[in-house]
C-alpha atoms as a PDB file:
ATOM      1  CA  MET A   1      10.782  -6.389 -15.466  1.00  0.00           C
ATOM      2  CA  SER A   2       9.076  -6.852 -12.341  1.00  0.00           C
ATOM      3  CA  THR A   3       9.734  -9.257  -9.566  1.00  0.00           C
ATOM      4  CA  VAL A   4       7.021 -11.198  -7.495  1.00  0.00           C
ATOM      5  CA  ALA A   5       7.065 -10.974  -3.822  1.00  0.00           C
ATOM      6  CA  SER A   6       8.472 -13.928  -2.017  1.00  0.00           C
ATOM      7  CA  SER A   7       6.500 -15.676   0.784  1.00  0.00           C
ATOM      8  CA  ALA A   8       9.153 -14.137   3.297  1.00  0.00           C
ATOM      9  CA  GLU A   9       8.427 -10.776   1.915  1.00  0.00           C
ATOM     10  CA  GLN A  10       4.613 -10.928   2.473  1.00  0.00           C
ATOM     11  CA  GLY A  11       2.684  -9.676   5.389  1.00  0.00           C
ATOM     12  CA  ARG A  12       1.806 -11.606   8.495  1.00  0.00           C
ATOM     13  CA  LEU A  13      -1.720 -10.816   8.144  1.00  0.00           C
ATOM     14  CA  ILE A  14      -4.236 -13.407   6.454  1.00  0.00           C
ATOM     15  CA  ARG A  15      -7.492 -12.859   4.565  1.00  0.00           C
ATOM     16  CA  LEU A  16     -10.281 -14.650   6.542  1.00  0.00           C
ATOM     17  CA  ALA A  17     -13.236 -13.849   4.471  1.00  0.00           C
ATOM     18  CA  GLU A  18     -14.355 -12.810   0.938  1.00  0.00           C
ATOM     19  CA  GLY A  19     -11.856 -14.901  -0.840  1.00  0.00           C
ATOM     20  CA  ASN A  20     -13.964 -15.047  -3.969  1.00  0.00           C
ATOM     21  CA  ARG A  21     -13.633 -11.820  -5.364  1.00  0.00           C
ATOM     22  CA  ALA A  22     -11.516 -11.218  -8.712  1.00  0.00           C
ATOM     23  CA  PRO A  23      -7.665 -10.940  -8.167  1.00  0.00           C
ATOM     24  CA  LEU A  24      -5.668  -7.937  -9.295  1.00  0.00           C
ATOM     25  CA  ASN A  25      -2.074  -7.144  -9.384  1.00  0.00           C
ATOM     26  CA  PHE A  26      -0.407  -3.910  -8.264  1.00  0.00           C
ATOM     27  CA  HIS A  27       3.199  -2.945  -7.563  1.00  0.00           C
ATOM     28  CA  LEU A  28       4.733  -2.013  -4.166  1.00  0.00           C
ATOM     29  CA  ASP A  29       8.140  -0.443  -4.529  1.00  0.00           C
ATOM     30  CA  GLY A  30       8.528  -2.289  -7.759  1.00  0.00           C
ATOM     31  CA  VAL A  31       7.437  -5.678  -6.660  1.00  0.00           C
ATOM     32  CA  GLU A  32       4.432  -7.156  -8.032  1.00  0.00           C
ATOM     33  CA  ARG A  33       1.798  -8.182  -5.326  1.00  0.00           C
ATOM     34  CA  GLN A  34      -1.720  -9.265  -5.548  1.00  0.00           C
ATOM     35  CA  ALA A  35      -4.995  -8.105  -4.187  1.00  0.00           C
ATOM     36  CA  MET A  36      -8.680  -8.516  -4.702  1.00  0.00           C
ATOM     37  CA  GLN A  37     -11.029  -6.175  -6.299  1.00  0.00           C
ATOM     38  CA  GLY A  38     -12.784  -4.184  -3.677  1.00  0.00           C
ATOM     39  CA  ASP A  39      -9.677  -3.866  -1.373  1.00  0.00           C
ATOM     40  CA  SER A  40      -8.447  -0.751  -0.117  1.00  0.00           C
ATOM     41  CA  VAL A  41      -4.767   0.155  -0.660  1.00  0.00           C
ATOM     42  CA  LEU A  42      -4.358  -0.190   3.077  1.00  0.00           C
ATOM     43  CA  THR A  43      -5.917  -3.782   3.053  1.00  0.00           C
ATOM     44  CA  ALA A  44      -3.759  -4.972  -0.197  1.00  0.00           C
ATOM     45  CA  VAL A  45      -0.358  -3.522   1.345  1.00  0.00           C
ATOM     46  CA  LEU A  46      -0.970  -4.890   4.848  1.00  0.00           C
ATOM     47  CA  LEU A  47      -1.928  -8.290   3.524  1.00  0.00           C
ATOM     48  CA  SER A  48       1.101  -8.442   1.119  1.00  0.00           C
ATOM     49  CA  ALA A  49       3.888  -6.425   2.995  1.00  0.00           C
ATOM     50  CA  GLY A  50       2.934  -5.995   6.615  1.00  0.00           C
ATOM     51  CA  SER A  51       3.392  -2.271   6.847  1.00  0.00           C
ATOM     52  CA  LEU A  52       2.693   0.860   4.872  1.00  0.00           C
ATOM     53  CA  ARG A  53       5.714   3.002   5.245  1.00  0.00           C
ATOM     54  CA  SER A  54       8.332   4.432   7.698  1.00  0.00           C
ATOM     55  CA  ALA A  55       7.294   7.029  10.308  1.00  0.00           C
ATOM     56  CA  GLU A  56       8.827  10.628   9.451  1.00  0.00           C
ATOM     57  CA  PHE A  57      10.527  11.043  12.794  1.00  0.00           C
ATOM     58  CA  GLY A  58      12.003   7.537  13.456  1.00  0.00           C
ATOM     59  CA  GLY A  59      12.525   4.080  12.043  1.00  0.00           C
ATOM     60  CA  GLU A  60       9.209   2.657  13.042  1.00  0.00           C
ATOM     61  CA  ARG A  61       7.109   1.124  10.495  1.00  0.00           C
ATOM     62  CA  ARG A  62       3.364   2.359  10.075  1.00  0.00           C
ATOM     63  CA  ALA A  63       0.372   0.684   9.332  1.00  0.00           C
ATOM     64  CA  GLY A  64      -2.603   3.103   9.482  1.00  0.00           C
ATOM     65  CA  PHE A  65      -4.440   4.267  12.703  1.00  0.00           C
ATOM     66  CA  CYS A  66      -7.970   5.523  12.486  1.00  0.00           C
ATOM     67  CA  LEU A  67      -8.981   3.808   9.176  1.00  0.00           C
ATOM     68  CA  MET A  68     -11.393   6.371   8.122  1.00  0.00           C
ATOM     69  CA  GLY A  69      -8.922   9.025   6.363  1.00  0.00           C
ATOM     70  CA  ALA A  70      -8.698  11.589   9.402  1.00  0.00           C
ATOM     71  CA  CYS A  71      -5.365  10.643  11.043  1.00  0.00           C
ATOM     72  CA  GLN A  72      -2.981  11.177   8.122  1.00  0.00           C
ATOM     73  CA  ASP A  73      -1.099   7.995   9.203  1.00  0.00           C
ATOM     74  CA  CYS A  74      -1.646   6.026   5.986  1.00  0.00           C
ATOM     75  CA  TRP A  75      -0.346   8.283   3.436  1.00  0.00           C
ATOM     76  CA  MET A  76       1.446   6.665   0.605  1.00  0.00           C
ATOM     77  CA  TRP A  77       3.077   7.721  -2.548  1.00  0.00           C
ATOM     78  CA  GLN A  78       2.122   6.764  -6.168  1.00  0.00           C
ATOM     79  CA  GLU A  79       5.191   6.571  -8.629  1.00  0.00           C
ATOM     80  CA  ASP A  80       3.505   8.780 -11.090  1.00  0.00           C
ATOM     81  CA  GLY A  81       1.004  10.962  -9.122  1.00  0.00           C
ATOM     82  CA  PRO A  82       0.084  12.603  -5.916  1.00  0.00           C
ATOM     83  CA  ARG A  83       0.012  10.995  -2.376  1.00  0.00           C
ATOM     84  CA  LEU A  84      -3.006   9.025  -1.472  1.00  0.00           C
ATOM     85  CA  ARG A  85      -4.765   7.960   1.985  1.00  0.00           C
ATOM     86  CA  ALA A  86      -4.406   4.118   1.773  1.00  0.00           C
ATOM     87  CA  CYS A  87      -7.257   3.500   3.979  1.00  0.00           C
ATOM     88  CA  SER A  88      -9.800   5.206   1.792  1.00  0.00           C
ATOM     89  CA  THR A  89      -8.358   4.516  -1.691  1.00  0.00           C
ATOM     90  CA  PRO A  90      -9.430   1.281  -3.542  1.00  0.00           C
ATOM     91  CA  VAL A  91      -6.646  -0.400  -4.997  1.00  0.00           C
ATOM     92  CA  ARG A  92      -6.629  -0.753  -8.873  1.00  0.00           C
ATOM     93  CA  GLU A  93      -5.129  -3.020 -11.204  1.00  0.00           C
ATOM     94  CA  GLY A  94      -1.463  -1.970 -12.085  1.00  0.00           C
ATOM     95  CA  MET A  95      -1.327   0.687  -9.441  1.00  0.00           C
ATOM     96  CA  ARG A  96       2.202   1.531  -8.649  1.00  0.00           C
ATOM     97  CA  LEU A  97       2.867   2.746  -5.127  1.00  0.00           C
ATOM     98  CA  LEU A  98       5.888   3.569  -3.051  1.00  0.00           C
ATOM     99  CA  THR A  99       6.423   3.203   0.733  1.00  0.00           C
ATOM    100  CA  ASP A 100       8.893   6.247   0.690  1.00  0.00           C
ATOM    101  CA  PRO A 101       8.533   9.500  -1.045  1.00  0.00           C
ATOM    102  CA  PRO A 102       9.921   9.534  -4.554  1.00  0.00           C
ATOM    103  CA  LYS A 103      13.123  11.627  -5.041  1.00  0.00           C
ATOM    104  CA  THR A 104      11.032  14.303  -7.048  1.00  0.00           C
ATOM    105  CA  TRP A 105       8.273  14.570  -4.640  1.00  0.00           C
ATOM    106  CA  PRO A 106       7.716  18.302  -3.862  1.00  0.00           C
ATOM    107  CA  GLY A 107       6.077  17.810  -0.491  1.00  0.00           C
ATOM    108  CA  ASP A 108       2.770  19.026  -1.314  1.00  0.00           C
ATOM    109  CA  LEU A 109      -0.479  17.303   0.046  1.00  0.00           C
ATOM    110  CA  SER A 110      -2.413  17.168  -3.357  1.00  0.00           C
END
């Protein structure tokens, strides 16, 4: 059973344009969220949650940096697969993402 993000849990960013694309649902840390077809994972997560993950060496939240897949700042985890770069991966219907590494994650970069 999934829960839906409350307005208090949503990000501080708002969509200013392209509001007429088809909506889709994805999950972030087990919470159902909404995006639009054509959004990157980065866009979908920042619009719905405000940040991607915690920094490896501190408690700061990360939100991407270069926006072109070069800086490694937007890595996220999938519940059932390898890590992905949020800035260059399109969000898909039913995608299940994690902001922290899964307990069984081997640490590889695949």
